[in-house]
Every structure is written in structure tokens, then in C-alpha cells.
Protein backbone atom coordinates (compact mmCIF):
# COMPACT_ATOMS: atom_id res chain seq x y z
CA MET A 1 -22.11 -1.19 187.05
CA LYS A 2 -21.84 -4.60 185.18
CA LYS A 3 -20.49 -2.79 182.04
CA LEU A 4 -17.96 -1.42 184.69
CA ALA A 5 -17.04 -4.81 186.49
CA LEU A 6 -16.74 -6.60 182.83
CA LEU A 7 -14.62 -3.29 181.21
CA GLN A 8 -12.23 -3.96 184.55
CA LEU A 9 -11.91 -7.84 183.90
CA ALA A 10 -11.29 -7.22 181.01
CA VAL A 11 -8.09 -4.70 181.89
CA LEU A 12 -7.21 -7.34 184.37
CA VAL A 13 -6.98 -10.23 181.93
CA ALA A 14 -5.04 -7.90 179.11
CA VAL A 15 -2.18 -6.57 181.93
CA SER A 16 -2.18 -10.04 183.51
CA PRO A 17 0.51 -12.13 183.03
CA HIS A 18 -0.79 -15.36 182.30
CA ALA A 19 -2.60 -13.45 179.40
CA ARG A 20 -0.20 -14.24 177.35
CA GLY A 21 0.19 -18.08 176.11
CA TRP A 22 3.88 -19.24 176.64
CA GLY A 23 6.00 -22.48 177.69
CA LEU A 24 9.89 -23.24 177.79
CA LYS A 25 12.12 -26.44 177.59
CA LYS A 26 11.85 -28.13 181.24
CA GLU A 27 15.84 -28.96 180.00
CA LEU A 28 17.04 -25.59 180.84
CA LEU A 29 16.40 -26.40 184.36
CA ASN A 30 19.78 -28.73 183.61
CA PRO A 31 22.75 -26.25 184.06
CA SER A 32 24.54 -28.29 181.78
CA ILE A 33 22.41 -28.06 178.82
CA GLY A 34 20.69 -24.44 179.91
CA ARG A 35 24.58 -22.99 179.77
CA LEU A 36 24.37 -24.12 175.25
CA CYS A 37 20.51 -22.23 175.34
CA LEU A 38 20.81 -19.52 172.75
CA THR A 39 18.84 -16.72 175.63
CA TYR A 40 21.91 -18.10 178.16
CA LYS A 41 24.59 -16.87 175.53
CA ALA A 42 23.04 -13.78 174.66
CA LEU A 43 23.19 -12.61 177.86
CA HIS A 44 26.86 -13.75 178.33
CA SER A 45 27.58 -12.05 174.65
CA ARG A 46 26.18 -9.75 171.62
CA VAL A 47 28.01 -12.19 169.10
CA LEU A 48 26.72 -15.89 168.29
CA ARG A 49 28.16 -18.00 165.54
CA PHE A 50 25.78 -20.05 163.05
CA ARG A 51 27.52 -22.95 160.58
CA LEU A 52 25.63 -24.67 158.42
CA VAL A 53 26.46 -28.13 157.42
CA GLN A 54 25.28 -29.89 154.53
CA ASP A 55 25.72 -33.11 152.70
CA GLN A 56 26.68 -33.03 148.27
CA GLU A 57 22.55 -33.86 148.03
CA SER A 58 20.98 -31.39 150.30
CA ARG A 59 23.61 -28.66 148.60
CA ARG A 60 22.05 -29.73 145.64
CA LEU A 61 18.37 -29.24 147.05
CA PHE A 62 19.25 -26.58 148.99
CA PRO A 63 20.94 -23.95 147.13
CA PRO A 64 23.47 -22.86 150.45
CA GLU A 65 23.30 -19.24 149.56
CA GLN A 66 19.91 -19.29 150.24
CA MET A 67 20.07 -21.17 153.15
CA ARG A 68 22.32 -18.59 154.65
CA ALA A 69 20.06 -15.84 153.76
CA GLU A 70 17.26 -17.69 155.11
CA ILE A 71 18.89 -18.82 158.45
CA ASN A 72 20.13 -14.88 159.03
CA SER A 73 16.95 -13.51 158.50
CA ALA A 74 15.06 -16.26 161.02
CA LEU A 75 17.70 -15.65 163.84
CA ALA A 76 17.27 -12.16 163.00
CA LEU A 77 13.40 -12.40 163.95
CA TRP A 78 14.63 -14.43 167.19
CA SER A 79 17.59 -11.86 168.15
CA ALA A 80 15.90 -8.21 167.52
CA PRO A 81 14.23 -8.49 170.75
CA MET A 82 17.38 -9.53 172.03
CA GLY A 83 18.54 -5.87 171.34
CA SER A 84 22.29 -5.71 169.70
CA LEU A 85 22.37 -9.50 169.72
CA ARG A 86 24.42 -10.14 166.32
CA TRP A 87 25.15 -13.24 163.71
CA ARG A 88 28.11 -14.18 161.78
CA GLU A 89 28.87 -17.44 160.33
CA SER A 90 31.62 -20.17 161.26
CA THR A 91 33.02 -22.90 159.52
CA GLY A 92 34.03 -24.08 163.47
CA ALA A 93 33.09 -23.70 167.00
CA CYS A 94 29.56 -22.52 167.16
CA ASP A 95 26.66 -21.41 169.61
CA LEU A 96 24.26 -23.27 167.00
CA ARG A 97 24.45 -25.36 164.17
CA ILE A 98 22.19 -26.26 161.33
CA GLU A 99 22.24 -29.37 159.37
CA PHE A 100 20.62 -30.93 156.87
CA GLY A 101 20.86 -34.73 155.71
CA PRO A 102 19.02 -38.07 155.78
CA THR A 103 16.84 -39.52 158.48
CA PRO A 104 18.91 -40.81 160.90
CA ALA A 105 18.06 -44.25 161.91
CA GLY A 106 15.63 -44.09 164.69
CA ASP A 107 14.75 -40.37 164.27
CA THR A 108 11.33 -39.99 164.80
CA SER A 109 10.88 -36.15 164.96
CA ASN A 110 8.80 -36.11 161.44
CA GLY A 111 11.34 -34.01 159.80
CA ALA A 112 12.61 -31.77 161.59
CA PHE A 113 14.58 -31.11 165.70
CA THR A 114 16.56 -29.54 167.57
CA ALA A 115 18.91 -31.56 169.82
CA VAL A 116 21.88 -30.86 172.28
CA ASP A 117 25.63 -31.28 171.61
CA LYS A 118 28.51 -31.22 173.95
CA ASP A 119 29.34 -27.97 172.95
CA CYS A 120 26.79 -26.63 170.78
CA LEU A 121 22.70 -26.86 170.26
CA VAL A 122 21.82 -27.96 166.20
CA VAL A 123 18.86 -27.69 164.39
CA ARG A 124 18.58 -30.59 161.74
CA ILE A 125 16.30 -30.73 158.84
CA ASN A 126 15.63 -34.54 157.14
CA ARG A 127 15.68 -33.94 153.63
CA ASP A 128 14.24 -37.22 153.05
CA TYR A 129 10.96 -36.62 155.21
CA VAL A 130 8.16 -37.02 152.84
CA TRP A 131 4.77 -35.85 155.25
CA ARG A 132 1.98 -38.09 153.50
CA GLU A 133 -1.28 -35.66 154.05
CA ARG A 134 -4.79 -38.06 153.58
CA ARG A 135 -6.99 -36.38 155.95
CA GLY A 136 -8.71 -34.02 153.26
CA LEU A 137 -8.75 -30.92 155.40
CA PRO A 138 -10.00 -27.07 153.26
CA GLY A 139 -7.36 -25.80 151.87
CA ASN A 140 -4.74 -28.89 151.73
CA ALA A 141 -4.91 -30.89 149.12
CA ASN A 142 -4.04 -34.84 149.96
CA GLY A 143 -0.59 -36.07 148.47
CA ASP A 144 3.28 -36.07 149.56
CA TYR A 145 4.84 -33.02 150.53
CA ARG A 146 8.19 -32.58 150.86
CA TRP A 147 10.87 -30.16 152.62
CA GLU A 148 11.76 -26.98 149.74
CA PRO A 149 13.75 -24.21 149.74
CA PHE A 150 11.31 -21.20 150.85
CA PRO A 151 10.38 -19.67 147.65
CA GLY A 152 10.38 -15.60 148.10
CA LEU A 153 11.67 -14.67 150.97
CA ALA A 154 12.35 -10.85 149.48
CA GLN A 155 8.94 -10.47 149.06
CA LEU A 156 7.90 -11.70 152.19
CA THR A 157 5.62 -8.91 153.94
CA PRO A 158 5.26 -8.24 157.61
CA ASN A 159 2.85 -10.31 159.71
CA LEU A 160 2.55 -12.99 156.78
CA THR A 161 1.44 -16.24 157.87
CA VAL A 162 1.53 -19.40 156.08
CA ASP A 163 -2.27 -19.65 155.31
CA ALA A 164 -2.21 -16.20 153.76
CA LEU A 165 0.87 -17.01 151.60
CA ALA A 166 -0.37 -20.42 150.67
CA GLN A 167 -3.98 -18.50 149.34
CA GLN A 168 -1.76 -15.73 148.00
CA ARG A 169 -0.54 -18.17 145.86
CA GLY A 170 -2.86 -20.59 145.06
CA VAL A 171 -1.16 -23.42 146.57
CA ALA A 172 -2.09 -26.12 149.48
CA HIS A 173 -1.02 -25.22 152.92
CA SER A 174 1.16 -28.11 152.98
CA ARG A 175 3.51 -26.91 150.14
CA VAL A 176 4.33 -23.28 152.55
CA PHE A 177 4.94 -25.37 155.93
CA TRP A 178 6.67 -27.80 154.56
CA THR A 179 9.62 -25.22 153.29
CA SER A 180 13.26 -24.95 155.15
CA TYR A 181 12.47 -21.13 156.26
CA ARG A 182 9.40 -21.87 157.89
CA ALA A 183 11.13 -25.04 159.81
CA PHE A 184 13.65 -22.47 160.75
CA VAL A 185 11.47 -19.43 162.01
CA HIS A 186 9.83 -22.47 164.60
CA GLU A 187 13.01 -25.21 165.31
CA PHE A 188 15.18 -21.61 166.82
CA GLY A 189 12.63 -20.66 168.77
CA HIS A 190 13.22 -24.03 170.26
CA ALA A 191 16.95 -23.62 170.64
CA PHE A 192 16.52 -19.70 172.53
CA GLY A 193 14.41 -22.28 175.39
CA LEU A 194 10.87 -22.63 174.20
CA ALA A 195 8.90 -25.29 173.99
CA ASP A 196 5.79 -26.39 171.68
CA THR A 197 2.93 -25.03 173.34
CA ASN A 198 0.59 -27.33 171.89
CA GLU A 199 1.75 -30.26 174.01
CA LEU A 200 3.54 -28.63 177.17
CA LEU A 201 2.58 -30.64 179.38
CA THR A 202 3.20 -34.22 177.97
CA SER A 203 6.58 -33.82 177.09
CA GLN A 204 8.50 -30.86 176.91
CA SER A 205 7.48 -28.35 179.82
CA SER A 206 6.36 -28.36 183.21
CA PRO A 207 3.32 -26.41 185.40
CA ASP A 208 6.78 -24.22 186.82
CA LEU A 209 7.25 -23.40 183.32
CA CYS A 210 4.50 -22.21 181.50
CA SER A 211 1.58 -19.95 181.41
CA PRO A 212 -1.89 -21.98 182.64
CA GLY A 213 -5.20 -22.48 181.00
CA PRO A 214 -5.03 -22.96 176.68
CA GLN A 215 -2.68 -21.63 174.57
CA PRO A 216 -3.01 -19.47 171.65
CA ASP A 217 -1.96 -20.05 168.69
CA SER A 218 1.15 -18.88 167.68
CA VAL A 219 5.21 -19.69 166.60
CA MET A 220 5.96 -21.94 169.08
CA LYS A 221 2.70 -23.92 168.94
CA THR A 222 0.76 -24.50 165.14
CA SER A 223 3.99 -22.59 163.26
CA ASN A 224 1.45 -20.88 161.21
CA TYR A 225 3.48 -17.63 161.37
CA PHE A 226 6.14 -15.61 159.86
CA TYR A 227 6.63 -13.75 162.08
CA LEU A 228 7.00 -13.58 166.50
CA THR A 229 3.74 -13.40 168.04
CA PRO A 230 2.96 -11.68 171.05
CA ASP A 231 2.80 -14.96 173.13
CA ASP A 232 6.24 -15.64 171.29
CA LEU A 233 7.56 -12.49 172.60
CA GLU A 234 6.56 -13.49 176.04
CA GLY A 235 8.24 -16.74 176.20
CA LEU A 236 11.29 -15.24 175.07
CA ARG A 237 10.97 -12.88 178.44
CA GLN A 238 10.42 -15.55 180.30
CA ALA A 239 13.14 -17.55 178.62
CA ARG A 240 15.69 -14.57 179.83
CA LYS A 241 13.93 -14.40 183.36
CA LEU A 242 14.27 -17.78 184.21
CA LEU A 243 18.22 -17.79 183.00
CA ARG A 244 18.84 -14.54 184.22
CA GLU A 245 17.76 -14.99 187.49
CA ARG A 246 19.93 -18.65 187.43
CA ILE A 247 23.03 -17.21 186.40
CA SER A 248 22.37 -13.55 187.99
CA VAL A 249 23.33 -11.60 185.13
CA THR A 250 21.87 -8.39 184.02
CA ARG A 251 21.75 -7.25 180.67
CA LEU A 252 19.46 -4.19 178.90
CA PRO A 253 16.02 -5.06 179.33
CA LEU A 254 14.15 -7.34 176.21
CA VAL A 255 13.54 -5.09 173.17
CA THR A 256 9.64 -5.10 172.34
CA PRO A 257 10.01 -5.05 168.19
CA SER A 258 8.80 -1.72 166.99
CA ARG A 259 6.23 -3.08 164.32
CA ARG A 260 3.03 -3.61 165.49
CA GLU A 261 1.61 -7.51 165.68
CA PRO A 262 -1.91 -8.24 165.70
CA GLU A 263 -3.48 -10.05 168.56
CA ALA A 264 -5.16 -12.42 167.35
CA LEU A 265 -5.18 -14.38 163.82
CA GLU A 266 -6.78 -17.28 162.40
CA ALA A 267 -4.05 -19.66 162.23
CA PHE A 268 -4.12 -23.56 160.30
CA SER A 269 -3.98 -25.98 162.96
CA SER A 270 -4.22 -29.14 161.46
CA ALA A 271 -0.81 -29.69 160.27
CA GLU A 272 1.96 -29.35 162.56
CA ILE A 273 5.39 -30.32 163.15
CA GLY A 274 5.27 -33.18 165.47
CA SER A 275 6.79 -33.46 168.62
CA GLU A 276 10.62 -31.89 168.16
CA GLU A 277 13.15 -33.44 170.74
CA TRP A 278 15.38 -31.86 172.88
CA ALA A 279 17.68 -35.53 173.48
CA PRO A 280 20.94 -35.80 173.38
CA ARG A 281 23.03 -36.10 170.42
CA VAL A 282 24.05 -39.53 168.87
CA THR A 283 26.85 -38.27 167.26
CA ASN A 284 28.33 -41.29 164.88
CA THR A 285 24.49 -41.07 163.08
CA ARG A 286 26.48 -37.86 160.98
């Protein structure tokens, strides 16, 4: 009987809506911001637009053609569960603007952030940011790390983590962590409405917009993954549910990717970008 009870408990946990860890940005409750969320826009349109903006030095450090390939790959990752959602590049009006440039005065985002402009969301990478690693962590040599283009996007295999790729290439964890594609995968999650689950109740979310209890490792917690974990997918489902209820739009159900996602993976949880902001933009800093 004891074994049966434990089995029944395990089944209940497995099917519970709280079995996944997720959190949504509290700004989604603000209609003027919620309407800019990519999840909201995907309820209205099957084609969204992105725009890449780089200054001259950023184009030298981050070749535009490579950045376009990385952007399209990361957008496809988050768009796949939406079904037929597609992206095209724009040189004018857009739904998502991806910027590279020097760190704006007063910025405390630790190198990258997602923000709100008057007519779109903005993902920004501060090309001159330096992460000064001094903690002596295993597999992550102390040193100064700067943003770099992601090496070998075409060779990226399914279900790969930052840890695993660093080990494969015999480099420090931070050499892979501080790359543009890794940043895109994480920051685009914010653009779809998900919060950083390592600090849900401190600044980014609220008890009504996140699952209770400990948050599992995921793209939105440790940013150690080059694929969406089941917890990231649950965050997308919850964002879509919230925004669909608020705007009363019926669309096709969220699609589960055909690739099998592992239920549990080890994650390097010590080196994370700090708190990304969804604060209103100061447009004259660009």
C-alpha cells in the first residue's frame, strides 16, 4: 500500500499544473506593454518583424550576417511552439528591435536586457560590457570575459547546454556563456513575456504570475540551455493563456516540439546575467 501511495503521489506531481516551474513578467498586466509582448502579437499575426541595429564598431565585432543567422535561429526556437509563426527582417517598423552598442549611461543590466519602446520591444547587447570572473569556480577560469559572436551555430546539436559545449571545446564556461546566441535565446524569452525565474518574487513577477515552490533550471533561470526546457515551454503556455484571456482571441493550441526534451539536466548555475530590465526606454541614449 505504501508503494502504491508513493506511485499515486508521483503521478499527481507529474500531471499537476505546478509540476513545471515558470514565471511571467508582471508588466504583462499593463495593457500598453502587454500589447507589445511577442506572445500577444502571435495571437494576432502569423508573421512578425525584427530589425537589427548596429553601430560601426558592433558590425566589426559582430558581423551582421552571422547575427542574422543567430537571431533567426533563436527566434525559431521560441516560435516553434506557436505553430506557424514566421519572422521576416525589416528596416523600418518592427515588433522586435535587436540592438548592439556601447553601454548606456546608468545602465546596470550586466551586459544585456530586454526593454519597452513606444512601438516595439527591444533586446539590447552592450558590446563593451566586461564580466570580471573572480570566484574560482570549477570549469570556469578567473578572468575578464567579453561578448563574442557564437562559434559554430551550424554545428549546434539538439539538447546541448552551455556546460556541455564548453566541455566539448575545452574552454571556460564563461567563454560560451558570454556569446551573442546564448544571449538571444535568453532575452527573446523575455520578449515573449517570461521572467527570470531565479528572482521571480524580488522584482520581475508576482505570486499570481508564477508557479509556487522552487524553480527548476531552465533557459529563464540559469540560461544554461540552447533549447527550451519543459519549464520554458510551460512559461510560454501560461503567457499565451494569460494574454488570450485578457484579449479574448482564439488561436490554434500551443504546439509541443517534436524533439524530446530531457526532464532533468545538470546546470551551471553560478554564472548568470544579472537582472534584465523591462523599464521604459530613454530614447535619447541611442
